[in-house]
Amino acid sequence: MMVFDGTAVEYHHIVGLQGKDKTIRQVQAKPSRHLLLGSPPLSRRGRVFELMKGEGDGTVPLLSATRRSGGSGCAPGSNITIFVSDIPGLETSKWSTATV
């Protein structure tokens, strides 16, 4: 049994991972111009938001779900089990277990 905080508690973190990169990991605002039709036509500056997607469970990126750092994220020395879904022809399957 692992002990890291003076108790006999063993920590386990269950993490989901989609088989495809569908989780929003970053949003970038990019400048754009919009043409407003009319007489005369007008141009207006604005922003377009671009989504970059990556590994995760659809709500939380994998990097965040498995992060171990001082006081936030997964407990040091804990077991992390990752379950993968959305694999064609397979139900949710156990993919990996890691202990750090």
C-alpha atoms as a PDB file:
ATOM      1  CA  MET A   1       0.000   0.000   0.000  1.00  0.00           C
ATOM      2  CA  MET A   2       1.311   3.464  -0.915  1.00  0.00           C
ATOM      3  CA  VAL A   3       1.552   6.091   1.783  1.00  0.00           C
ATOM      4  CA  PHE A   4       2.410   9.702   1.031  1.00  0.00           C
ATOM      5  CA  ASP A   5       0.525  11.852   3.467  1.00  0.00           C
ATOM      6  CA  GLY A   6       0.992   9.964   6.734  1.00  0.00           C
ATOM      7  CA  THR A   7      -2.180   7.915   6.219  1.00  0.00           C
ATOM      8  CA  ALA A   8      -2.736   4.472   4.774  1.00  0.00           C
ATOM      9  CA  VAL A   9      -4.786   5.895   1.894  1.00  0.00           C
ATOM     10  CA  GLU A  10      -4.049   4.600  -1.611  1.00  0.00           C
ATOM     11  CA  TYR A  11      -4.977   7.100  -4.344  1.00  0.00           C
ATOM     12  CA  HIS A  12      -6.439   6.118  -7.735  1.00  0.00           C
ATOM     13  CA  HIS A  13      -7.402   8.488 -10.552  1.00  0.00           C
ATOM     14  CA  ILE A  14      -9.672   7.317 -13.367  1.00  0.00           C
ATOM     15  CA  VAL A  15      -9.175   9.277 -16.603  1.00  0.00           C
ATOM     16  CA  GLY A  16     -11.199   9.122 -19.826  1.00  0.00           C
ATOM     17  CA  LEU A  17      -9.638   9.419 -23.274  1.00  0.00           C
ATOM     18  CA  GLN A  18     -11.545   9.617 -26.535  1.00  0.00           C
ATOM     19  CA  GLY A  19     -10.136   7.610 -29.439  1.00  0.00           C
ATOM     20  CA  LYS A  20     -10.222  10.785 -31.557  1.00  0.00           C
ATOM     21  CA  ASP A  21      -8.925  14.282 -30.756  1.00  0.00           C
ATOM     22  CA  LYS A  22     -12.223  16.017 -29.880  1.00  0.00           C
ATOM     23  CA  THR A  23     -11.335  17.906 -26.697  1.00  0.00           C
ATOM     24  CA  ILE A  24     -10.742  21.658 -26.912  1.00  0.00           C
ATOM     25  CA  ARG A  25      -7.174  22.259 -25.713  1.00  0.00           C
ATOM     26  CA  GLN A  26      -6.712  25.859 -26.864  1.00  0.00           C
ATOM     27  CA  VAL A  27      -8.735  28.776 -28.243  1.00  0.00           C
ATOM     28  CA  GLN A  28      -7.075  31.533 -30.277  1.00  0.00           C
ATOM     29  CA  ALA A  29      -8.639  34.867 -31.176  1.00  0.00           C
ATOM     30  CA  LYS A  30      -7.547  35.975 -34.636  1.00  0.00           C
ATOM     31  CA  PRO A  31      -8.256  39.328 -36.269  1.00  0.00           C
ATOM     32  CA  SER A  32     -10.648  39.337 -39.207  1.00  0.00           C
ATOM     33  CA  ARG A  33     -12.488  41.730 -41.486  1.00  0.00           C
ATOM     34  CA  HIS A  34     -16.184  41.511 -42.230  1.00  0.00           C
ATOM     35  CA  LEU A  35     -17.682  43.064 -45.329  1.00  0.00           C
ATOM     36  CA  LEU A  36     -21.097  44.569 -44.673  1.00  0.00           C
ATOM     37  CA  LEU A  37     -23.149  44.741 -47.837  1.00  0.00           C
ATOM     38  CA  GLY A  38     -25.000  47.910 -48.435  1.00  0.00           C
ATOM     39  CA  SER A  39     -24.656  51.189 -50.228  1.00  0.00           C
ATOM     40  CA  PRO A  40     -21.805  51.959 -49.868  1.00  0.00           C
ATOM     41  CA  PRO A  41     -20.319  48.598 -48.690  1.00  0.00           C
ATOM     42  CA  LEU A  42     -18.563  48.883 -45.329  1.00  0.00           C
ATOM     43  CA  SER A  43     -15.720  46.929 -43.801  1.00  0.00           C
ATOM     44  CA  ARG A  44     -15.639  46.149 -40.101  1.00  0.00           C
ATOM     45  CA  ARG A  45     -12.828  44.660 -38.051  1.00  0.00           C
ATOM     46  CA  GLY A  46     -13.587  41.825 -35.697  1.00  0.00           C
ATOM     47  CA  ARG A  47     -12.280  38.561 -34.316  1.00  0.00           C
ATOM     48  CA  VAL A  48     -12.647  34.928 -35.262  1.00  0.00           C
ATOM     49  CA  PHE A  49     -12.098  32.252 -32.621  1.00  0.00           C
ATOM     50  CA  GLU A  50     -10.152  29.191 -33.734  1.00  0.00           C
ATOM     51  CA  LEU A  51     -10.415  25.964 -31.707  1.00  0.00           C
ATOM     52  CA  MET A  52      -7.473  23.569 -31.473  1.00  0.00           C
ATOM     53  CA  LYS A  53      -8.485  20.085 -30.392  1.00  0.00           C
ATOM     54  CA  GLY A  54      -6.433  17.302 -28.827  1.00  0.00           C
ATOM     55  CA  GLU A  55      -6.462  14.275 -26.532  1.00  0.00           C
ATOM     56  CA  GLY A  56      -8.947  14.215 -23.677  1.00  0.00           C
ATOM     57  CA  ASP A  57     -12.363  13.038 -22.535  1.00  0.00           C
ATOM     58  CA  GLY A  58     -14.347  15.723 -24.380  1.00  0.00           C
ATOM     59  CA  THR A  59     -14.299  18.176 -21.471  1.00  0.00           C
ATOM     60  CA  VAL A  60     -10.790  18.017 -19.948  1.00  0.00           C
ATOM     61  CA  PRO A  61      -7.516  17.669 -21.903  1.00  0.00           C
ATOM     62  CA  LEU A  62      -5.506  14.526 -21.074  1.00  0.00           C
ATOM     63  CA  LEU A  63      -2.533  16.655 -19.949  1.00  0.00           C
ATOM     64  CA  SER A  64      -4.705  18.379 -17.326  1.00  0.00           C
ATOM     65  CA  ALA A  65      -6.423  15.171 -16.189  1.00  0.00           C
ATOM     66  CA  THR A  66      -3.090  13.437 -15.510  1.00  0.00           C
ATOM     67  CA  ARG A  67      -1.135  16.431 -14.202  1.00  0.00           C
ATOM     68  CA  ARG A  68       0.889  15.949 -11.032  1.00  0.00           C
ATOM     69  CA  SER A  69       2.244  19.057  -9.386  1.00  0.00           C
ATOM     70  CA  GLY A  70       2.536  20.699  -5.997  1.00  0.00           C
ATOM     71  CA  GLY A  71      -0.946  20.764  -4.538  1.00  0.00           C
ATOM     72  CA  SER A  72      -2.965  20.488  -7.761  1.00  0.00           C
ATOM     73  CA  GLY A  73      -3.881  17.634 -10.031  1.00  0.00           C
ATOM     74  CA  CYS A  74      -3.270  13.974  -9.228  1.00  0.00           C
ATOM     75  CA  ALA A  75      -1.578  13.008  -5.996  1.00  0.00           C
ATOM     76  CA  PRO A  76       2.134  12.095  -6.269  1.00  0.00           C
ATOM     77  CA  GLY A  77       2.608   8.328  -6.309  1.00  0.00           C
ATOM     78  CA  SER A  78      -1.033   7.687  -7.193  1.00  0.00           C
ATOM     79  CA  ASN A  79      -2.264   5.162  -9.741  1.00  0.00           C
ATOM     80  CA  ILE A  80      -3.700   6.644 -12.937  1.00  0.00           C
ATOM     81  CA  THR A  81      -5.898   4.413 -15.085  1.00  0.00           C
ATOM     82  CA  ILE A  82      -6.834   5.688 -18.545  1.00  0.00           C
ATOM     83  CA  PHE A  83      -9.928   4.383 -20.329  1.00  0.00           C
ATOM     84  CA  VAL A  84     -10.234   4.927 -24.090  1.00  0.00           C
ATOM     85  CA  SER A  85     -13.563   5.213 -25.920  1.00  0.00           C
ATOM     86  CA  ASP A  86     -14.720   5.913 -29.493  1.00  0.00           C
ATOM     87  CA  ILE A  87     -12.529   3.230 -31.041  1.00  0.00           C
ATOM     88  CA  PRO A  88     -14.399   1.822 -34.068  1.00  0.00           C
ATOM     89  CA  GLY A  89     -15.716  -1.676 -33.329  1.00  0.00           C
ATOM     90  CA  LEU A  90     -14.783  -1.597 -29.637  1.00  0.00           C
ATOM     91  CA  GLU A  91     -16.570  -0.624 -26.481  1.00  0.00           C
ATOM     92  CA  THR A  92     -14.732   1.446 -23.861  1.00  0.00           C
ATOM     93  CA  SER A  93     -11.477  -0.359 -23.103  1.00  0.00           C
ATOM     94  CA  LYS A  94      -8.741  -0.107 -20.483  1.00  0.00           C
ATOM     95  CA  TRP A  95      -5.742   1.419 -22.206  1.00  0.00           C
ATOM     96  CA  SER A  96      -3.050   2.140 -19.694  1.00  0.00           C
ATOM     97  CA  THR A  97      -2.216   2.208 -16.019  1.00  0.00           C
ATOM     98  CA  ALA A  98       0.696   4.327 -14.857  1.00  0.00           C
ATOM     99  CA  THR A  99       2.128   5.093 -11.442  1.00  0.00           C
ATOM    100  CA  VAL A 100       4.459   8.033 -10.930  1.00  0.00           C
END
